[in-house]
Amino acid sequence: MPKLLILYYSRTGNTTKMAEAVAEGARSVQGVDAELTYYASAETLSSYDAILVGVPTYHHDMAIDIKKLFEEAAEKNINLQGKVAAAFGSYGWSGEAPKLVLEIMKNKFMMNVTEPPLLARYEPDQGALEKCRNLGKRVAESLIHAT
């Protein structure tokens, strides 16, 4: 059964709401194991077929926890090449953190990224949450069709 990781960081709860909606969409697809968590070790990343990262933008950057995870994965030469990847997150002013995450996933780890990242300004409204559900469902369905 294909495994999908929804990894997120949130301080205000806005990105948490987005991550929960992404997980809801992914779990609507039978035959995919979708895990929602705020922590993953670098070593476990390679056990997933798809990785979706939810990260808010703080001070024009991604959260340090997510940055450290990618740095550790790079240091340990964790192979993520060809895995499906996507990013989402909330922001107040600039919104570049999910874009930075996608750039790392695409250029450093050679993952197959879904572009553009999904962004919500401040608290996600119902329209943004529906886009999150669609993202989770779309990625989960792509894993089913790939097997």
C-alpha atoms as a PDB file:
ATOM      1  CA  MET A   1       0.000   0.000   0.000  1.00  0.00           C
ATOM      2  CA  PRO A   2       1.462   3.408  -0.947  1.00  0.00           C
ATOM      3  CA  LYS A   3       2.431   5.599   2.010  1.00  0.00           C
ATOM      4  CA  LEU A   4       1.878   9.344   2.114  1.00  0.00           C
ATOM      5  CA  LEU A   5       3.342  11.641   4.770  1.00  0.00           C
ATOM      6  CA  ILE A   6       1.755  14.966   5.656  1.00  0.00           C
ATOM      7  CA  LEU A   7       4.346  16.714   7.791  1.00  0.00           C
ATOM      8  CA  TYR A   8       3.587  20.157   9.168  1.00  0.00           C
ATOM      9  CA  TYR A   9       4.662  22.877  11.550  1.00  0.00           C
ATOM     10  CA  SER A  10       2.302  25.484  12.944  1.00  0.00           C
ATOM     11  CA  ARG A  11       2.467  28.139  15.648  1.00  0.00           C
ATOM     12  CA  THR A  12      -0.939  29.768  15.274  1.00  0.00           C
ATOM     13  CA  GLY A  13      -2.952  26.735  14.151  1.00  0.00           C
ATOM     14  CA  ASN A  14      -3.565  27.990  10.601  1.00  0.00           C
ATOM     15  CA  THR A  15      -1.175  25.532   8.952  1.00  0.00           C
ATOM     16  CA  THR A  16      -2.551  22.788  11.237  1.00  0.00           C
ATOM     17  CA  LYS A  17      -6.015  23.382   9.763  1.00  0.00           C
ATOM     18  CA  MET A  18      -4.545  23.148   6.275  1.00  0.00           C
ATOM     19  CA  ALA A  19      -2.661  19.930   7.123  1.00  0.00           C
ATOM     20  CA  GLU A  20      -5.806  18.340   8.557  1.00  0.00           C
ATOM     21  CA  ALA A  21      -7.704  19.181   5.365  1.00  0.00           C
ATOM     22  CA  VAL A  22      -4.890  17.740   3.207  1.00  0.00           C
ATOM     23  CA  ALA A  23      -5.013  14.551   5.297  1.00  0.00           C
ATOM     24  CA  GLU A  24      -8.801  14.394   4.956  1.00  0.00           C
ATOM     25  CA  GLY A  25      -8.475  14.544   1.182  1.00  0.00           C
ATOM     26  CA  ALA A  26      -5.705  11.936   1.087  1.00  0.00           C
ATOM     27  CA  ARG A  27      -7.630   9.581   3.365  1.00  0.00           C
ATOM     28  CA  SER A  28     -10.658   9.758   1.061  1.00  0.00           C
ATOM     29  CA  VAL A  29      -8.682   7.632  -1.418  1.00  0.00           C
ATOM     30  CA  GLN A  30      -8.830   3.926  -0.619  1.00  0.00           C
ATOM     31  CA  GLY A  31      -5.585   1.998  -0.780  1.00  0.00           C
ATOM     32  CA  VAL A  32      -3.318   4.794   0.494  1.00  0.00           C
ATOM     33  CA  ASP A  33      -1.879   5.010   4.001  1.00  0.00           C
ATOM     34  CA  ALA A  34      -1.858   8.743   4.869  1.00  0.00           C
ATOM     35  CA  GLU A  35       0.009   9.779   8.019  1.00  0.00           C
ATOM     36  CA  LEU A  36      -0.429  13.247   9.534  1.00  0.00           C
ATOM     37  CA  THR A  37       2.319  14.349  11.937  1.00  0.00           C
ATOM     38  CA  TYR A  38       4.270  17.353  13.163  1.00  0.00           C
ATOM     39  CA  TYR A  39       7.499  15.334  13.532  1.00  0.00           C
ATOM     40  CA  ALA A  40       9.444  12.944  11.308  1.00  0.00           C
ATOM     41  CA  SER A  41      13.049  11.841  11.456  1.00  0.00           C
ATOM     42  CA  ALA A  42      15.248  12.171   8.399  1.00  0.00           C
ATOM     43  CA  GLU A  43      15.684   8.398   8.280  1.00  0.00           C
ATOM     44  CA  THR A  44      11.944   7.736   7.982  1.00  0.00           C
ATOM     45  CA  LEU A  45      11.394  10.055   5.007  1.00  0.00           C
ATOM     46  CA  SER A  46      12.571   7.479   2.490  1.00  0.00           C
ATOM     47  CA  SER A  47       9.866   5.015   3.609  1.00  0.00           C
ATOM     48  CA  TYR A  48       7.127   7.225   2.101  1.00  0.00           C
ATOM     49  CA  ASP A  49       6.022   7.374  -1.533  1.00  0.00           C
ATOM     50  CA  ALA A  50       4.859  10.985  -1.185  1.00  0.00           C
ATOM     51  CA  ILE A  51       5.760  13.768   1.216  1.00  0.00           C
ATOM     52  CA  LEU A  52       3.578  16.843   1.655  1.00  0.00           C
ATOM     53  CA  VAL A  53       5.035  19.552   3.848  1.00  0.00           C
ATOM     54  CA  GLY A  54       2.967  22.229   5.549  1.00  0.00           C
ATOM     55  CA  VAL A  55       5.041  25.167   6.659  1.00  0.00           C
ATOM     56  CA  PRO A  56       4.070  28.739   7.516  1.00  0.00           C
ATOM     57  CA  THR A  57       6.221  31.702   6.609  1.00  0.00           C
ATOM     58  CA  TYR A  58       7.908  33.506   9.495  1.00  0.00           C
ATOM     59  CA  HIS A  59      10.247  36.407   8.776  1.00  0.00           C
ATOM     60  CA  HIS A  60      10.526  35.484   5.077  1.00  0.00           C
ATOM     61  CA  ASP A  61      11.675  31.936   5.879  1.00  0.00           C
ATOM     62  CA  MET A  62      10.490  28.439   6.761  1.00  0.00           C
ATOM     63  CA  ALA A  63      10.293  27.134  10.322  1.00  0.00           C
ATOM     64  CA  ILE A  64      13.660  26.034  11.707  1.00  0.00           C
ATOM     65  CA  ASP A  65      12.347  22.521  12.472  1.00  0.00           C
ATOM     66  CA  ILE A  66      11.590  21.879   8.802  1.00  0.00           C
ATOM     67  CA  LYS A  67      14.875  23.437   7.700  1.00  0.00           C
ATOM     68  CA  LYS A  68      16.822  21.227  10.140  1.00  0.00           C
ATOM     69  CA  LEU A  69      15.000  18.124   8.892  1.00  0.00           C
ATOM     70  CA  PHE A  70      16.050  18.819   5.305  1.00  0.00           C
ATOM     71  CA  GLU A  71      19.615  19.621   6.373  1.00  0.00           C
ATOM     72  CA  GLU A  72      19.828  16.335   8.292  1.00  0.00           C
ATOM     73  CA  ALA A  73      18.358  14.379   5.373  1.00  0.00           C
ATOM     74  CA  ALA A  74      20.959  15.931   3.063  1.00  0.00           C
ATOM     75  CA  GLU A  75      23.821  15.209   5.485  1.00  0.00           C
ATOM     76  CA  LYS A  76      22.734  11.575   5.774  1.00  0.00           C
ATOM     77  CA  ASN A  77      22.226  11.239   1.994  1.00  0.00           C
ATOM     78  CA  ILE A  78      18.599  10.166   2.383  1.00  0.00           C
ATOM     79  CA  ASN A  79      17.388   9.145  -1.065  1.00  0.00           C
ATOM     80  CA  LEU A  80      14.082  10.823  -1.948  1.00  0.00           C
ATOM     81  CA  GLN A  81      14.597  10.918  -5.706  1.00  0.00           C
ATOM     82  CA  GLY A  82      11.428  10.371  -7.707  1.00  0.00           C
ATOM     83  CA  LYS A  83       9.083  10.553  -4.731  1.00  0.00           C
ATOM     84  CA  VAL A  84       6.010  12.767  -5.031  1.00  0.00           C
ATOM     85  CA  ALA A  85       6.218  16.067  -3.143  1.00  0.00           C
ATOM     86  CA  ALA A  86       4.006  19.063  -2.427  1.00  0.00           C
ATOM     87  CA  ALA A  87       4.026  22.017  -0.038  1.00  0.00           C
ATOM     88  CA  PHE A  88       1.434  24.250   1.557  1.00  0.00           C
ATOM     89  CA  GLY A  89       1.238  26.839   4.294  1.00  0.00           C
ATOM     90  CA  SER A  90      -0.194  29.997   5.730  1.00  0.00           C
ATOM     91  CA  TYR A  91       1.424  33.401   5.780  1.00  0.00           C
ATOM     92  CA  GLY A  92       0.828  36.979   6.816  1.00  0.00           C
ATOM     93  CA  TRP A  93       2.918  39.071   4.451  1.00  0.00           C
ATOM     94  CA  SER A  94       5.202  37.235   2.076  1.00  0.00           C
ATOM     95  CA  GLY A  95       4.418  33.498   1.825  1.00  0.00           C
ATOM     96  CA  GLU A  96       7.759  32.200   0.556  1.00  0.00           C
ATOM     97  CA  ALA A  97       8.292  29.263   2.965  1.00  0.00           C
ATOM     98  CA  PRO A  98       6.292  26.676   0.946  1.00  0.00           C
ATOM     99  CA  LYS A  99       8.106  27.855  -2.200  1.00  0.00           C
ATOM    100  CA  LEU A 100      11.475  27.353  -0.469  1.00  0.00           C
ATOM    101  CA  VAL A 101      10.419  23.863   0.628  1.00  0.00           C
ATOM    102  CA  LEU A 102       9.457  22.940  -2.935  1.00  0.00           C
ATOM    103  CA  GLU A 103      12.727  24.293  -4.253  1.00  0.00           C
ATOM    104  CA  ILE A 104      14.684  22.078  -1.842  1.00  0.00           C
ATOM    105  CA  MET A 105      12.547  19.035  -2.600  1.00  0.00           C
ATOM    106  CA  LYS A 106      12.910  19.549  -6.335  1.00  0.00           C
ATOM    107  CA  ASN A 107      16.509  20.689  -6.690  1.00  0.00           C
ATOM    108  CA  LYS A 108      18.294  19.003  -3.782  1.00  0.00           C
ATOM    109  CA  PHE A 109      16.333  15.772  -3.421  1.00  0.00           C
ATOM    110  CA  MET A 110      15.160  15.405  -7.052  1.00  0.00           C
ATOM    111  CA  MET A 111      11.555  14.766  -6.031  1.00  0.00           C
ATOM    112  CA  ASN A 112       8.581  15.085  -8.385  1.00  0.00           C
ATOM    113  CA  VAL A 113       6.992  18.233  -7.031  1.00  0.00           C
ATOM    114  CA  THR A 114       3.451  19.474  -7.451  1.00  0.00           C
ATOM    115  CA  GLU A 115       3.666  23.164  -8.289  1.00  0.00           C
ATOM    116  CA  PRO A 116       2.780  25.788  -7.305  1.00  0.00           C
ATOM    117  CA  PRO A 117       2.593  25.435  -3.520  1.00  0.00           C
ATOM    118  CA  LEU A 118      -0.780  25.948  -1.882  1.00  0.00           C
ATOM    119  CA  LEU A 119      -0.912  29.181   0.136  1.00  0.00           C
ATOM    120  CA  ALA A 120      -3.470  30.704   2.491  1.00  0.00           C
ATOM    121  CA  ARG A 121      -3.186  34.208   3.866  1.00  0.00           C
ATOM    122  CA  TYR A 122      -3.716  34.159   7.629  1.00  0.00           C
ATOM    123  CA  GLU A 123      -6.473  31.728   8.606  1.00  0.00           C
ATOM    124  CA  PRO A 124      -7.537  29.481   5.723  1.00  0.00           C
ATOM    125  CA  ASP A 125     -11.137  30.041   4.640  1.00  0.00           C
ATOM    126  CA  GLN A 126     -13.441  27.299   3.353  1.00  0.00           C
ATOM    127  CA  GLY A 127     -12.169  27.801  -0.205  1.00  0.00           C
ATOM    128  CA  ALA A 128      -8.559  27.320   0.878  1.00  0.00           C
ATOM    129  CA  LEU A 129      -9.463  24.256   2.945  1.00  0.00           C
ATOM    130  CA  GLU A 130     -11.236  22.745  -0.047  1.00  0.00           C
ATOM    131  CA  LYS A 131      -8.075  23.312  -2.124  1.00  0.00           C
ATOM    132  CA  CYS A 132      -6.139  21.507   0.633  1.00  0.00           C
ATOM    133  CA  ARG A 133      -8.518  18.545   0.496  1.00  0.00           C
ATOM    134  CA  ASN A 134      -8.165  18.464  -3.284  1.00  0.00           C
ATOM    135  CA  LEU A 135      -4.360  18.521  -3.007  1.00  0.00           C
ATOM    136  CA  GLY A 136      -4.349  15.555  -0.628  1.00  0.00           C
ATOM    137  CA  LYS A 137      -6.778  13.626  -2.795  1.00  0.00           C
ATOM    138  CA  ARG A 138      -4.894  14.413  -6.012  1.00  0.00           C
ATOM    139  CA  VAL A 139      -1.553  13.270  -4.590  1.00  0.00           C
ATOM    140  CA  ALA A 140      -3.079  10.096  -3.100  1.00  0.00           C
ATOM    141  CA  GLU A 141      -4.749   9.259  -6.406  1.00  0.00           C
ATOM    142  CA  SER A 142      -1.445   9.746  -8.236  1.00  0.00           C
ATOM    143  CA  LEU A 143       0.111   7.117  -5.953  1.00  0.00           C
ATOM    144  CA  ILE A 144      -2.675   4.642  -6.713  1.00  0.00           C
ATOM    145  CA  HIS A 145      -2.268   5.170 -10.461  1.00  0.00           C
ATOM    146  CA  ALA A 146       1.518   4.778 -10.216  1.00  0.00           C
ATOM    147  CA  THR A 147       1.289   1.289  -8.675  1.00  0.00           C
END
